[in-house]
């Protein structure tokens, strides 16, 4: 049998297992599904102001030119460590918003091409880091956690570590800078 055939069966089989277990335990699966959908919509409505605020802040930062100005200012520092300054907007926005970081990565790939070291670094950074501030804002806000200082510090430290290692590994793998 073909692997694609089995891959196509996973989701229908998963649904059948859920329905079969609901039948065995005599659970009203449809009511549980509708209730879960209702809770999901309520949570989405509660999270919408947080998401709008984050997206507005990122939009203002990009369209004001401040991001470009900071990038140009830090360019010599980045080049000292073999880091293209064009990645700074990605480094800055990745912990905040996955959508904004993905649009920056797409823009870099469109500008430089898929085989360019900047595009490759951007792709590795995209896959090696997370949207820490988004996660803290949305998920901690949804459950009402107010004190998130240590989680923020650990999350941002993990992001910085991921970014540094993404640059190092990409340079090592694609250009052998340190050999």
Protein backbone atom coordinates (compact mmCIF):
# COMPACT_ATOMS: atom_id res chain seq x y z
CA UNK A 1 0.00 0.00 0.00
CA UNK A 2 0.98 3.57 -0.59
CA UNK A 3 1.97 5.95 2.24
CA UNK A 4 -0.25 8.68 0.78
CA UNK A 5 -3.21 6.31 1.00
CA UNK A 6 -2.63 5.84 4.75
CA UNK A 7 -2.09 9.57 5.23
CA UNK A 8 -5.49 10.25 3.70
CA UNK A 9 -7.10 7.76 6.10
CA UNK A 10 -5.73 9.24 9.33
CA UNK A 11 -8.32 11.99 9.85
CA UNK A 12 -11.41 9.88 8.94
CA UNK A 13 -10.16 7.06 11.17
CA UNK A 14 -9.56 9.51 14.01
CA UNK A 15 -13.14 10.80 13.69
CA UNK A 16 -14.47 7.24 13.62
CA UNK A 17 -12.53 6.40 16.80
CA UNK A 18 -14.02 9.44 18.54
CA UNK A 19 -17.54 8.58 17.42
CA UNK A 20 -17.08 4.92 18.39
CA UNK A 21 -15.79 5.86 21.85
CA UNK A 22 -18.73 8.25 22.28
CA UNK A 23 -21.07 5.43 21.35
CA UNK A 24 -19.46 3.07 23.87
CA UNK A 25 -19.53 5.65 26.69
CA UNK A 26 -23.03 6.81 25.66
CA UNK A 27 -21.91 10.40 25.20
CA UNK A 28 -23.87 12.77 23.01
CA UNK A 29 -21.03 13.55 20.57
CA UNK A 30 -23.02 16.11 18.57
CA UNK A 31 -23.92 18.17 21.65
CA UNK A 32 -20.31 18.02 22.84
CA UNK A 33 -19.14 19.18 19.39
CA UNK A 34 -21.62 22.09 19.34
CA UNK A 35 -20.69 23.06 22.90
CA UNK A 36 -16.99 23.05 22.01
CA UNK A 37 -17.65 25.17 18.94
CA UNK A 38 -19.63 27.65 21.04
CA UNK A 39 -16.79 27.91 23.57
CA UNK A 40 -14.27 28.38 20.74
CA UNK A 41 -16.28 31.28 19.30
CA UNK A 42 -16.58 32.91 22.73
CA UNK A 43 -12.83 32.60 23.26
CA UNK A 44 -12.14 34.06 19.81
CA UNK A 45 -14.36 37.04 20.62
CA UNK A 46 -12.50 37.59 23.92
CA UNK A 47 -9.10 37.38 22.21
CA UNK A 48 -9.94 39.70 19.32
CA UNK A 49 -8.99 42.97 21.12
CA UNK A 50 -5.57 41.52 22.03
CA UNK A 51 -4.96 40.46 18.42
CA UNK A 52 -6.08 43.79 16.98
CA UNK A 53 -3.78 45.66 19.38
CA UNK A 54 -0.78 43.53 18.45
CA UNK A 55 -1.41 43.87 14.72
CA UNK A 56 -1.93 47.65 15.00
CA UNK A 57 1.34 48.08 16.90
CA UNK A 58 3.28 46.09 14.31
CA UNK A 59 1.68 48.01 11.45
CA UNK A 60 2.56 51.37 13.03
CA UNK A 61 6.15 50.22 13.63
CA UNK A 62 6.61 49.15 10.00
CA UNK A 63 4.83 52.05 8.29
CA UNK A 64 6.42 54.76 10.44
CA UNK A 65 9.87 53.91 9.12
CA UNK A 66 11.20 53.37 12.64
CA UNK A 67 11.97 49.74 11.87
CA UNK A 68 14.03 50.71 8.82
CA UNK A 69 15.84 53.44 10.77
CA UNK A 70 16.81 51.03 13.57
CA UNK A 71 17.91 48.46 10.98
CA UNK A 72 20.21 50.98 9.32
CA UNK A 73 21.57 52.07 12.70
CA UNK A 74 22.42 48.51 13.79
CA UNK A 75 23.74 47.40 10.40
CA UNK A 76 27.47 47.67 11.33
CA UNK A 77 26.93 45.60 14.48
CA UNK A 78 25.10 42.89 12.56
CA UNK A 79 27.75 42.71 9.84
CA UNK A 80 30.45 42.23 12.50
CA UNK A 81 28.84 38.90 13.36
CA UNK A 82 28.11 37.88 9.74
CA UNK A 83 24.41 38.60 10.24
CA UNK A 84 22.69 40.39 7.36
CA UNK A 85 21.05 43.57 8.68
CA UNK A 86 18.00 42.76 6.55
CA UNK A 87 17.10 40.12 9.15
CA UNK A 88 16.67 42.66 11.97
CA UNK A 89 12.96 43.32 11.24
CA UNK A 90 12.40 39.56 11.35
CA UNK A 91 14.29 39.29 14.65
CA UNK A 92 12.20 42.09 16.09
CA UNK A 93 8.77 40.94 14.88
CA UNK A 94 9.09 37.15 15.25
CA UNK A 95 8.49 37.13 19.03
CA UNK A 96 5.48 39.42 18.52
CA UNK A 97 3.56 38.10 15.54
CA UNK A 98 3.89 35.03 13.37
CA UNK A 99 1.93 36.67 10.56
CA UNK A 100 4.14 39.76 10.47
CA UNK A 101 7.29 37.62 10.64
CA UNK A 102 6.00 35.39 7.85
CA UNK A 103 5.30 38.42 5.68
CA UNK A 104 8.86 39.69 6.31
CA UNK A 105 10.26 36.25 5.46
CA UNK A 106 8.17 36.13 2.29
CA UNK A 107 9.34 39.62 1.36
CA UNK A 108 12.99 38.67 1.90
CA UNK A 109 12.53 35.52 -0.18
CA UNK A 110 10.82 37.49 -2.93
CA UNK A 111 13.56 40.16 -2.88
CA UNK A 112 16.63 37.89 -2.73
CA UNK A 113 15.38 34.56 -4.10
CA UNK A 114 15.10 31.22 -2.39
CA UNK A 115 18.77 30.28 -2.74
CA UNK A 116 20.19 33.45 -1.14
CA UNK A 117 21.72 33.17 2.34
CA UNK A 118 19.37 35.87 3.67
CA UNK A 119 16.31 33.90 2.56
CA UNK A 120 17.71 30.71 4.02
CA UNK A 121 18.49 32.38 7.35
CA UNK A 122 15.03 33.90 7.47
CA UNK A 123 13.46 30.49 6.88
CA UNK A 124 15.57 28.87 9.60
CA UNK A 125 14.79 31.71 12.05
CA UNK A 126 11.10 31.34 11.22
CA UNK A 127 11.24 27.64 12.08
CA UNK A 128 13.54 27.97 15.11
CA UNK A 129 11.66 30.58 17.11
CA UNK A 130 8.17 31.21 18.37
CA UNK A 131 5.76 34.09 18.85
CA UNK A 132 6.45 34.50 22.55
CA UNK A 133 4.67 37.81 23.16
CA UNK A 134 1.68 36.66 21.14
CA UNK A 135 1.47 33.42 23.12
CA UNK A 136 1.78 35.22 26.45
CA UNK A 137 -0.77 37.87 25.48
CA UNK A 138 -3.35 35.52 24.05
CA UNK A 139 -3.09 32.40 26.16
CA UNK A 140 -2.17 33.94 29.50
CA UNK A 141 -4.80 36.64 28.91
CA UNK A 142 -7.42 34.03 28.09
CA UNK A 143 -6.98 32.24 31.40
CA UNK A 144 -6.45 35.42 33.43
CA UNK A 145 -2.79 35.06 34.40
CA UNK A 146 -1.45 38.51 35.25
CA UNK A 147 2.12 37.75 36.40
CA UNK A 148 4.09 36.47 33.46
CA UNK A 149 7.54 37.99 34.01
CA UNK A 150 9.48 34.75 34.27
CA UNK A 151 7.62 33.16 31.38
CA UNK A 152 8.40 36.26 29.30
CA UNK A 153 12.10 36.14 30.21
CA UNK A 154 12.41 32.44 29.43
CA UNK A 155 10.44 32.77 26.19
CA UNK A 156 12.51 35.71 24.93
CA UNK A 157 15.74 33.95 25.94
CA UNK A 158 14.61 30.92 23.94
CA UNK A 159 13.84 33.18 20.97
CA UNK A 160 17.23 34.90 21.09
CA UNK A 161 18.95 31.52 21.41
CA UNK A 162 16.96 30.19 18.47
CA UNK A 163 17.84 33.21 16.35
CA UNK A 164 21.55 33.02 17.15
CA UNK A 165 21.69 29.29 16.49
CA UNK A 166 19.68 29.72 13.28
CA UNK A 167 22.26 32.18 11.97
CA UNK A 168 25.22 30.06 13.12
CA UNK A 169 23.84 26.81 11.69
CA UNK A 170 22.79 28.44 8.41
CA UNK A 171 26.21 30.05 7.95
CA UNK A 172 27.96 26.82 8.87
CA UNK A 173 25.81 24.63 6.65
CA UNK A 174 25.54 26.82 3.56
CA UNK A 175 28.74 28.89 3.58
CA UNK A 176 31.25 27.20 5.90
CA UNK A 177 32.20 30.56 7.43
CA UNK A 178 34.07 28.96 10.33
CA UNK A 179 35.96 26.23 8.50
